[in-house]
Amino acid sequence: MPCKKKPLKIFNAFTPGMLPLKVGEQYDLEFMPIDVYEATALCACRKIRSYIGHESLAEVLTELLEVKIKFNRRNVKVNDGEEFLIAKKIQRRTNFRGVRGEGDEKLVFLRCRAFFKMRDPVPLIKEPIR
């Protein structure tokens, strides 16, 4: 039976430049740390859109998450209400072993969601900011 879940974007970093940044919109972001097992479950039965900018990280994530994660160094925007996954290295060493949950490198997984909404206009400032 084919999977009907929405595609999942996976990144190795997040910056404000990944938001559309339109004047008058407010951006609310949720970041929830999860373990490798939750990350694997999140990726299961979904089309993965990889934006992992390091070949070695893509290889390790393929092994850890049990799905093909491609090296793809491209800029991308997130959409309103979109769920995405960040796999961030938090310790750098030359040897990156892909043993599930072990190894010389440490990864943190963040399950994320972005929400956009119109905000109330900012009142005019009557006094200069000091």
Foldseek 3Di string as FASTA:
>chain_A
DAADDEEAEEEQDDDPVQAPDDPQKDKDKDKDWDALVVLLVVNPRHHYDYQYQDQVVQVLCCVSSVHRHDHHPDRHHDDAFHKYKHKYWPDDDPDADNDHPDGDIDIIMIIMTMHMDGDDDDDDDPDDDD
